[in-house]
Amino acid sequence: MASPARPFHWMTSRPEAVPHNAGEHTPTANAVLRSLLYATVASFPFEMPALELRWQVPQVTSSLFLVSTLLQPGVCYRRLPGPLWAFGGFLYAFLLAVALHDPIDPMETAQYFVLVTQALVLFWAASNLLRDGRVARGVLWAMAAGALVWGLLPMLGVGRTAETVWTGGERITAFGQNANRASVLVSTGILALFGVTRPGPGQPNRWRLLVWPFLAVMALAVIETGSRGGLLSLMAGLLVFVVFPRARTLAGFVRAILTGAVAIVALGWSASRTEVMRHRLEATAETHTMSGREDLFPALWDMFLERPVTGWGPVNNQYEVAIRAPFADKVKRDAHNLGLELLTATGLVGAVPCLVGLGLCAAAAWRGRRGPYGAVPLALLATFMMANMSGNHLALKPFWLGLALAVAAGTCPPGREPGA
């Protein structure tokens, strides 16, 4: 039987006295389970398309973690989070859409279904594990460490990939990664480090001063990807910290707001001084071009209006929209928008339960902003939702990990330490 976790102070790792009304304690995950979870989170930025590996690093680590959850199923799956019921409805609608619309590529459709299912299982397990503050804090440190290492690699010339764009400049990534996806993952690392070292009431500011150089390295990596969506996503997350500062005194409140505001201004100034990002932003402002999305989104909306109930079928919608909005000789195109992906792949039957589940996660993050997790889950959720405006993260595990943290934060009452 798992032993109960000691009450834990979110920011300082200090064991605290057990409150008399603590109630049920959160069972503790063993060292193997925790280590594999941290390894999975740290590995998220390290897909290496240029190496054409059959098994990418994140796939291996996440598979090992999911298998390890069977060592302590009572810890990982002890509670069914409310949003999981809605997401389960979406998964049923996914299968229904597949049954009603013959898959153009059955193997790819099956792989898509497996990835989404794995992400939901990760969400379930993580939403339970992250109720323990030590685990949540370790996950944020792992998220920050992975993003920092990834940001350093191109600067050191390791795996550096440069793609020249027509607007001018080069988009820099590592190992041939998708620049938009990489920018979002590094942005979450910035927010994780910003949040986990953010001083709480009565706590010193020494950690924040030490981590500013690392935050700067990761911010530069985001800018060098040239991803406009990634930049806006990071700013959305930082804005949450500005709006919800972790302070109880007026001086602390003002200092927290100024810190976040300075970070946003510095990020915008740096972007304006970087050739690739400046030119891409200018192209959007002057010509309203969004890398083909200006044609893609109307075509997807028309597809939804034609088949609003069950959609066109997962993956099938990508082949259909490539015909209606051709781009660079691609035979299929991702929706590059989570809402339009849901509406065209599964129709309202799948989109409604999925959006309900996302709404429940957002409500949990909102409730949790006054708890020991602070604004960190809400900031990560804002980043991912902004990223899903110009991308589709439905099958990406980092997105579901962020949702799990939001759910965990929402289950911890204000003033109660995680794990208490």
Protein backbone atom coordinates (compact mmCIF):
# COMPACT_ATOMS: atom_id res chain seq x y z
CA MET A 1 0.00 0.00 0.00
CA ALA A 2 1.33 3.43 -0.92
CA SER A 3 2.31 5.60 2.00
CA PRO A 4 0.69 9.02 2.34
CA ALA A 5 2.61 12.02 1.08
CA ARG A 6 3.67 14.58 3.65
CA PRO A 7 2.24 18.05 3.21
CA PHE A 8 4.52 19.99 0.97
CA HIS A 9 5.27 23.65 0.46
CA TRP A 10 4.91 24.32 -3.27
CA MET A 11 7.79 26.75 -3.79
CA THR A 12 10.33 25.89 -1.12
CA SER A 13 10.09 22.11 -0.70
CA ARG A 14 9.75 22.64 3.06
CA PRO A 15 7.79 19.93 4.89
CA GLU A 16 4.94 21.57 6.73
CA ALA A 17 2.95 20.60 9.78
CA VAL A 18 -0.07 18.46 9.05
CA PRO A 19 -3.27 20.52 9.32
CA HIS A 20 -5.78 19.02 11.73
CA ASN A 21 -8.42 19.04 9.03
CA ALA A 22 -6.18 17.74 6.26
CA GLY A 23 -8.51 14.85 5.52
CA GLU A 24 -7.42 12.30 2.95
CA HIS A 25 -3.75 12.33 2.05
CA THR A 26 -2.38 11.94 -1.44
CA PRO A 27 -0.60 8.57 -1.88
CA THR A 28 3.03 8.90 -2.88
CA ALA A 29 4.36 7.76 -6.24
CA ASN A 30 7.47 5.61 -6.00
CA ALA A 31 10.88 6.73 -7.24
CA VAL A 32 10.66 4.76 -10.50
CA LEU A 33 7.33 6.29 -11.43
CA ARG A 34 8.46 9.81 -10.58
CA SER A 35 11.76 9.45 -12.44
CA LEU A 36 10.09 8.18 -15.61
CA LEU A 37 7.54 10.99 -15.46
CA TYR A 38 10.31 13.58 -15.17
CA ALA A 39 12.27 11.93 -17.99
CA THR A 40 9.17 11.96 -20.19
CA VAL A 41 8.54 15.66 -19.58
CA ALA A 42 12.19 16.61 -20.12
CA SER A 43 12.26 14.65 -23.39
CA PHE A 44 9.24 16.37 -24.97
CA PRO A 45 11.33 18.90 -26.98
CA PHE A 46 13.68 16.23 -28.33
CA GLU A 47 11.98 14.77 -31.37
CA MET A 48 14.62 14.49 -34.09
CA PRO A 49 12.97 14.28 -37.53
CA ALA A 50 16.25 14.92 -39.33
CA LEU A 51 17.68 11.66 -37.95
CA GLU A 52 14.66 9.64 -39.17
CA LEU A 53 14.54 7.53 -36.02
CA ARG A 54 11.94 4.77 -35.97
CA TRP A 55 11.31 5.45 -32.28
CA GLN A 56 11.70 9.04 -31.19
CA VAL A 57 12.97 9.81 -27.69
CA PRO A 58 9.63 11.21 -26.38
CA GLN A 59 7.80 8.14 -27.66
CA VAL A 60 10.16 5.82 -25.80
CA THR A 61 10.08 7.72 -22.51
CA SER A 62 6.32 8.25 -22.54
CA SER A 63 5.72 4.57 -23.33
CA LEU A 64 7.97 3.54 -20.44
CA PHE A 65 6.15 5.93 -18.13
CA LEU A 66 2.71 4.65 -19.13
CA VAL A 67 3.86 1.06 -18.54
CA SER A 68 5.29 2.05 -15.15
CA THR A 69 1.90 3.38 -14.04
CA LEU A 70 0.84 -0.26 -13.75
CA LEU A 71 3.26 -0.56 -10.83
CA GLN A 72 1.01 1.74 -8.81
CA PRO A 73 -2.41 1.82 -10.48
CA GLY A 74 -4.01 2.86 -7.20
CA VAL A 75 -1.87 6.01 -7.22
CA CYS A 76 -2.09 6.87 -10.92
CA TYR A 77 -5.72 6.01 -11.62
CA ARG A 78 -7.39 6.38 -8.22
CA ARG A 79 -9.62 9.27 -9.35
CA LEU A 80 -11.43 9.87 -12.60
CA PRO A 81 -11.10 13.62 -13.27
CA GLY A 82 -14.34 15.23 -14.39
CA PRO A 83 -13.04 16.36 -17.80
CA LEU A 84 -12.04 12.77 -18.63
CA TRP A 85 -15.70 11.84 -19.06
CA ALA A 86 -16.08 14.55 -21.68
CA PHE A 87 -12.85 13.55 -23.41
CA GLY A 88 -14.05 9.95 -23.39
CA GLY A 89 -17.15 11.14 -25.25
CA PHE A 90 -14.88 12.75 -27.81
CA LEU A 91 -12.95 9.50 -28.21
CA TYR A 92 -16.23 7.66 -28.85
CA ALA A 93 -17.15 10.29 -31.46
CA PHE A 94 -13.72 9.78 -33.04
CA LEU A 95 -14.44 6.07 -33.54
CA LEU A 96 -17.94 6.87 -34.77
CA ALA A 97 -16.55 9.25 -37.40
CA VAL A 98 -14.08 6.60 -38.52
CA ALA A 99 -16.88 4.04 -38.84
CA LEU A 100 -19.11 6.40 -40.83
CA HIS A 101 -16.39 7.64 -43.19
CA ASP A 102 -14.09 5.10 -44.82
CA PRO A 103 -10.52 6.08 -43.89
CA ILE A 104 -8.40 7.17 -46.83
CA ASP A 105 -5.33 5.96 -44.95
CA PRO A 106 -6.40 3.35 -42.36
CA MET A 107 -2.92 2.96 -40.88
CA GLU A 108 -2.46 6.70 -40.33
CA THR A 109 -5.95 6.97 -38.86
CA ALA A 110 -5.23 4.11 -36.46
CA GLN A 111 -1.95 5.71 -35.44
CA TYR A 112 -3.74 9.03 -34.81
CA PHE A 113 -6.29 7.24 -32.61
CA VAL A 114 -3.54 5.50 -30.61
CA LEU A 115 -1.71 8.80 -30.04
CA VAL A 116 -4.86 10.52 -28.79
CA THR A 117 -5.68 7.56 -26.55
CA GLN A 118 -2.17 7.56 -25.08
CA ALA A 119 -2.46 11.29 -24.44
CA LEU A 120 -5.74 10.74 -22.56
CA VAL A 121 -4.19 7.99 -20.42
CA LEU A 122 -1.28 10.32 -19.66
CA PHE A 123 -3.80 13.02 -18.72
CA TRP A 124 -5.58 10.63 -16.36
CA ALA A 125 -2.42 9.44 -14.62
CA ALA A 126 -0.78 12.86 -14.44
CA SER A 127 -3.89 14.57 -13.07
CA ASN A 128 -3.59 12.24 -10.06
CA LEU A 129 0.18 12.33 -9.67
CA LEU A 130 0.37 16.12 -9.90
CA ARG A 131 -1.84 16.46 -6.82
CA ASP A 132 1.38 15.78 -4.92
CA GLY A 133 3.22 19.11 -4.83
CA ARG A 134 6.65 17.48 -4.93
CA VAL A 135 5.75 15.69 -8.15
CA ALA A 136 4.27 18.85 -9.68
CA ARG A 137 7.35 20.84 -8.79
CA GLY A 138 9.62 18.14 -10.22
CA VAL A 139 7.62 18.15 -13.45
CA LEU A 140 8.02 21.91 -13.82
CA TRP A 141 11.77 21.66 -13.22
CA ALA A 142 11.97 18.85 -15.81
CA MET A 143 9.97 20.94 -18.28
CA ALA A 144 12.33 23.87 -17.78
CA ALA A 145 15.48 21.73 -18.00
CA GLY A 146 14.41 20.09 -21.27
CA ALA A 147 13.57 23.45 -22.83
CA LEU A 148 16.86 24.98 -21.66
CA VAL A 149 18.98 22.17 -23.10
CA TRP A 150 17.06 22.32 -26.37
CA GLY A 151 17.56 26.10 -26.54
CA LEU A 152 21.29 25.73 -25.96
CA LEU A 153 21.91 23.06 -28.61
CA PRO A 154 21.53 25.26 -31.75
CA MET A 155 23.59 27.99 -30.09
CA LEU A 156 26.37 25.46 -29.55
CA GLY A 157 26.04 24.14 -33.10
CA VAL A 158 24.65 20.76 -32.03
CA GLY A 159 21.91 19.56 -34.39
CA ARG A 160 21.44 23.12 -35.62
CA THR A 161 18.92 23.34 -38.46
CA ALA A 162 18.49 26.57 -40.40
CA GLU A 163 15.61 27.13 -42.83
CA THR A 164 15.81 30.24 -45.03
CA VAL A 165 12.40 31.89 -45.45
CA TRP A 166 11.21 34.13 -48.26
CA THR A 167 10.61 37.08 -45.93
CA GLY A 168 14.29 37.10 -44.99
CA GLY A 169 16.39 35.47 -42.31
CA GLU A 170 16.62 31.88 -41.09
CA ARG A 171 14.36 29.89 -38.79
CA ILE A 172 16.59 28.04 -36.34
CA THR A 173 15.68 24.73 -34.70
CA ALA A 174 17.46 21.56 -33.59
CA PHE A 175 17.50 18.27 -35.51
CA GLY A 176 15.00 19.42 -38.12
CA GLN A 177 12.11 19.98 -35.74
CA ASN A 178 8.94 21.80 -36.64
CA ALA A 179 9.71 25.39 -35.66
CA ASN A 180 6.18 26.19 -34.49
CA ARG A 181 5.93 23.16 -32.23
CA ALA A 182 9.43 23.65 -30.84
CA SER A 183 8.73 27.28 -29.98
CA VAL A 184 5.66 26.31 -27.95
CA LEU A 185 7.52 23.61 -26.02
CA VAL A 186 10.35 26.00 -25.17
CA SER A 187 7.77 28.61 -24.17
CA THR A 188 6.25 26.18 -21.66
CA GLY A 189 9.74 25.64 -20.25
CA ILE A 190 10.11 29.39 -19.77
CA LEU A 191 6.78 29.62 -17.97
CA ALA A 192 7.58 26.58 -15.83
CA LEU A 193 10.90 28.05 -14.70
CA PHE A 194 9.34 31.49 -14.26
CA GLY A 195 6.60 29.99 -12.13
CA VAL A 196 8.56 27.50 -10.04
CA THR A 197 11.12 30.15 -9.03
CA ARG A 198 8.51 32.84 -8.53
CA PRO A 199 8.69 33.98 -4.92
CA GLY A 200 5.58 33.44 -2.89
CA PRO A 201 4.42 35.59 0.01
CA GLY A 202 7.28 36.08 2.45
CA GLN A 203 9.80 34.24 0.26
CA PRO A 204 13.09 35.74 -1.02
CA ASN A 205 13.67 36.70 -4.63
CA ARG A 206 17.13 35.14 -4.91
CA TRP A 207 16.08 32.29 -7.19
CA ARG A 208 14.55 34.64 -9.75
CA LEU A 209 17.80 36.61 -10.03
CA LEU A 210 19.79 33.42 -10.65
CA VAL A 211 17.50 32.08 -13.38
CA TRP A 212 17.14 35.25 -15.48
CA PRO A 213 20.07 34.28 -17.77
CA PHE A 214 18.48 30.87 -18.41
CA LEU A 215 15.14 32.50 -19.15
CA ALA A 216 16.90 34.80 -21.63
CA VAL A 217 18.52 31.84 -23.41
CA MET A 218 15.18 30.10 -23.85
CA ALA A 219 13.43 33.30 -24.94
CA LEU A 220 16.09 33.83 -27.61
CA ALA A 221 15.55 30.26 -28.80
CA VAL A 222 11.81 30.96 -29.19
CA ILE A 223 12.50 34.11 -31.18
CA GLU A 224 15.02 32.39 -33.47
CA THR A 225 12.44 29.79 -34.48
CA GLY A 226 10.63 32.64 -36.24
CA SER A 227 7.30 31.30 -35.00
CA ARG A 228 4.77 34.10 -34.69
CA GLY A 229 2.31 31.80 -32.97
CA GLY A 230 4.98 30.65 -30.52
CA LEU A 231 5.86 34.24 -29.65
CA LEU A 232 2.22 35.18 -29.05
CA SER A 233 1.70 32.02 -26.99
CA LEU A 234 4.61 32.88 -24.73
CA MET A 235 3.34 36.43 -24.29
CA ALA A 236 -0.11 35.09 -23.39
CA GLY A 237 1.41 32.95 -20.66
CA LEU A 238 3.52 35.78 -19.28
CA LEU A 239 0.48 38.05 -19.29
CA VAL A 240 -1.24 35.67 -16.87
CA PHE A 241 1.59 36.21 -14.39
CA VAL A 242 1.14 39.97 -14.76
CA VAL A 243 -2.60 39.82 -14.16
CA PHE A 244 -2.36 37.36 -11.25
CA PRO A 245 0.80 38.23 -9.31
CA ARG A 246 1.67 36.02 -6.35
CA ALA A 247 1.86 38.70 -3.66
CA ARG A 248 0.06 39.78 -0.51
CA THR A 249 1.59 43.22 -0.01
CA LEU A 250 1.29 46.27 -2.23
CA ALA A 251 5.06 46.37 -2.77
CA GLY A 252 5.14 42.71 -3.74
CA PHE A 253 2.13 43.19 -6.00
CA VAL A 254 3.77 46.10 -7.85
CA ARG A 255 7.10 44.28 -8.07
CA ALA A 256 5.48 41.16 -9.52
CA ILE A 257 3.55 43.15 -12.12
CA LEU A 258 6.64 45.09 -13.13
CA THR A 259 8.68 41.89 -13.44
CA GLY A 260 6.15 40.31 -15.78
CA ALA A 261 5.67 43.52 -17.75
CA VAL A 262 9.42 43.95 -18.20
CA ALA A 263 9.68 40.36 -19.42
CA ILE A 264 6.96 40.93 -22.05
CA VAL A 265 8.48 44.22 -23.23
CA ALA A 266 11.96 42.71 -23.42
CA LEU A 267 10.58 39.78 -25.41
CA GLY A 268 8.84 42.09 -27.88
CA TRP A 269 11.92 44.30 -28.24
CA SER A 270 14.16 41.29 -28.87
CA ALA A 271 11.75 39.97 -31.49
CA SER A 272 11.79 43.32 -33.28
CA ARG A 273 15.60 43.19 -33.39
CA THR A 274 15.77 39.67 -34.84
CA GLU A 275 15.65 39.56 -38.64
CA VAL A 276 13.55 36.46 -39.18
CA MET A 277 10.91 37.34 -36.60
CA ARG A 278 10.74 41.03 -37.56
CA HIS A 279 10.27 40.26 -41.24
CA ARG A 280 7.63 37.58 -40.61
CA LEU A 281 5.64 39.91 -38.37
CA GLU A 282 5.91 42.72 -40.92
CA ALA A 283 4.73 40.38 -43.69
CA THR A 284 1.66 39.45 -41.65
CA ALA A 285 0.86 43.08 -40.86
CA GLU A 286 1.37 44.36 -44.42
CA THR A 287 0.08 41.51 -46.60
CA HIS A 288 -2.08 39.57 -44.10
CA THR A 289 -0.30 36.34 -45.04
CA MET A 290 -0.20 33.56 -42.44
CA SER A 291 1.74 30.82 -44.23
CA GLY A 292 -1.35 29.75 -46.14
CA ARG A 293 -3.71 29.79 -43.17
CA GLU A 294 -5.63 32.68 -44.73
CA ASP A 295 -6.87 30.16 -47.36
CA LEU A 296 -6.84 27.09 -45.12
CA PHE A 297 -9.21 28.35 -42.42
CA PRO A 298 -12.08 29.43 -44.75
CA ALA A 299 -11.82 26.09 -46.58
CA LEU A 300 -12.06 24.19 -43.30
CA TRP A 301 -15.07 26.23 -42.22
CA ASP A 302 -16.83 25.48 -45.51
CA MET A 303 -16.11 21.77 -44.95
CA PHE A 304 -17.70 21.96 -41.50
CA LEU A 305 -20.82 23.65 -42.91
CA GLU A 306 -21.16 20.85 -45.47
CA ARG A 307 -20.92 18.08 -42.86
CA PRO A 308 -21.62 19.65 -39.46
CA VAL A 309 -22.71 16.58 -37.50
CA THR A 310 -20.04 13.89 -37.90
CA GLY A 311 -17.48 15.75 -40.01
CA TRP A 312 -15.33 14.18 -42.70
CA GLY A 313 -13.52 11.68 -40.52
CA PRO A 314 -10.14 11.97 -38.76
CA VAL A 315 -7.25 12.32 -41.23
CA ASN A 316 -9.75 12.31 -44.12
CA ASN A 317 -10.35 15.98 -43.41
CA GLN A 318 -6.66 16.68 -43.97
CA TYR A 319 -6.73 15.14 -47.44
CA GLU A 320 -9.92 16.97 -48.36
CA VAL A 321 -8.70 20.41 -47.31
CA ALA A 322 -5.46 19.93 -49.26
CA ILE A 323 -7.60 19.72 -52.39
CA ARG A 324 -9.65 22.79 -51.53
CA ALA A 325 -6.74 24.91 -50.29
CA PRO A 326 -3.62 23.57 -52.03
CA PHE A 327 -0.27 24.60 -50.61
CA ALA A 328 3.25 23.65 -51.72
CA ASP A 329 2.09 20.46 -53.51
CA LYS A 330 0.97 18.85 -50.25
CA VAL A 331 -1.45 15.94 -50.56
CA LYS A 332 -2.78 16.57 -47.06
CA ARG A 333 -2.74 19.53 -44.69
CA ASP A 334 -3.12 19.76 -40.95
CA ALA A 335 -5.91 22.06 -39.82
CA HIS A 336 -3.49 24.29 -37.87
CA ASN A 337 -6.35 25.13 -35.52
CA LEU A 338 -7.72 22.88 -32.80
CA GLY A 339 -11.33 24.02 -33.15
CA LEU A 340 -11.41 23.57 -36.92
CA GLU A 341 -9.70 20.18 -36.59
CA LEU A 342 -12.42 19.00 -34.21
CA LEU A 343 -15.26 20.39 -36.32
CA THR A 344 -14.03 18.91 -39.61
CA ALA A 345 -12.71 15.58 -38.27
CA THR A 346 -15.58 14.58 -35.95
CA GLY A 347 -18.19 17.31 -36.42
CA LEU A 348 -20.27 18.66 -33.57
CA VAL A 349 -20.61 15.13 -32.16
CA GLY A 350 -16.92 15.14 -31.26
CA ALA A 351 -16.19 18.85 -30.97
CA VAL A 352 -18.81 19.57 -28.28
CA PRO A 353 -17.60 17.01 -25.68
CA CYS A 354 -13.95 17.88 -26.32
CA LEU A 355 -14.61 21.60 -25.89
CA VAL A 356 -16.63 20.87 -22.74
CA GLY A 357 -13.64 18.96 -21.37
CA LEU A 358 -11.31 21.85 -22.20
CA GLY A 359 -13.72 24.25 -20.52
CA LEU A 360 -13.70 22.13 -17.34
CA CYS A 361 -9.88 22.17 -17.37
CA ALA A 362 -9.89 25.95 -17.79
CA ALA A 363 -12.33 26.28 -14.88
CA ALA A 364 -10.03 24.12 -12.73
CA ALA A 365 -7.01 26.28 -13.61
CA TRP A 366 -9.05 29.39 -12.75
CA ARG A 367 -10.00 27.96 -9.35
CA GLY A 368 -6.43 26.90 -8.71
CA ARG A 369 -4.94 30.35 -9.29
CA ARG A 370 -5.54 31.21 -5.61
CA GLY A 371 -4.12 27.93 -4.36
CA PRO A 372 -0.53 26.81 -3.81
CA TYR A 373 0.01 26.26 -7.54
CA GLY A 374 -0.66 29.92 -8.18
CA ALA A 375 -1.02 31.10 -11.77
CA VAL A 376 1.35 28.49 -13.24
CA PRO A 377 -1.35 26.09 -14.55
CA LEU A 378 -3.41 28.99 -15.89
CA ALA A 379 -0.34 30.44 -17.65
CA LEU A 380 0.50 27.10 -19.26
CA LEU A 381 -3.11 26.63 -20.32
CA ALA A 382 -3.20 30.12 -21.85
CA THR A 383 -0.02 29.33 -23.78
CA PHE A 384 -1.33 26.05 -25.15
CA MET A 385 -4.72 27.48 -26.09
CA MET A 386 -3.10 30.40 -27.90
CA ALA A 387 -0.83 27.92 -29.69
CA ASN A 388 -3.90 25.93 -30.75
CA MET A 389 -5.22 29.00 -32.55
CA SER A 390 -2.55 28.54 -35.23
CA GLY A 391 -1.66 24.90 -34.59
CA ASN A 392 -3.23 21.58 -33.69
CA HIS A 393 -1.94 19.97 -30.49
CA LEU A 394 -4.72 17.42 -30.08
CA ALA A 395 -2.38 14.40 -30.19
CA LEU A 396 0.58 16.05 -28.44
CA LYS A 397 1.26 14.84 -24.88
CA PRO A 398 2.71 18.15 -23.57
CA PHE A 399 -0.70 19.75 -24.17
CA TRP A 400 -2.44 17.07 -22.13
CA LEU A 401 0.15 17.31 -19.38
CA GLY A 402 -0.68 21.02 -19.10
CA LEU A 403 -4.38 20.13 -18.84
CA ALA A 404 -3.58 17.59 -16.13
CA LEU A 405 -1.75 20.22 -14.08
CA ALA A 406 -4.77 22.49 -14.39
CA VAL A 407 -7.07 19.73 -13.09
CA ALA A 408 -4.70 18.96 -10.20
CA ALA A 409 -4.55 22.64 -9.26
CA GLY A 410 -8.32 22.90 -9.28
CA THR A 411 -8.68 20.07 -6.76
CA CYS A 412 -6.47 21.76 -4.15
CA PRO A 413 -8.46 24.20 -1.99
CA PRO A 414 -7.09 27.73 -1.49
CA GLY A 415 -4.59 27.80 1.33
CA ARG A 416 -4.10 24.01 1.28
CA GLU A 417 -0.69 22.71 0.26
CA PRO A 418 -0.59 20.17 -2.60
CA GLY A 419 -0.60 16.71 -1.19
CA ALA A 420 -2.23 17.77 2.05
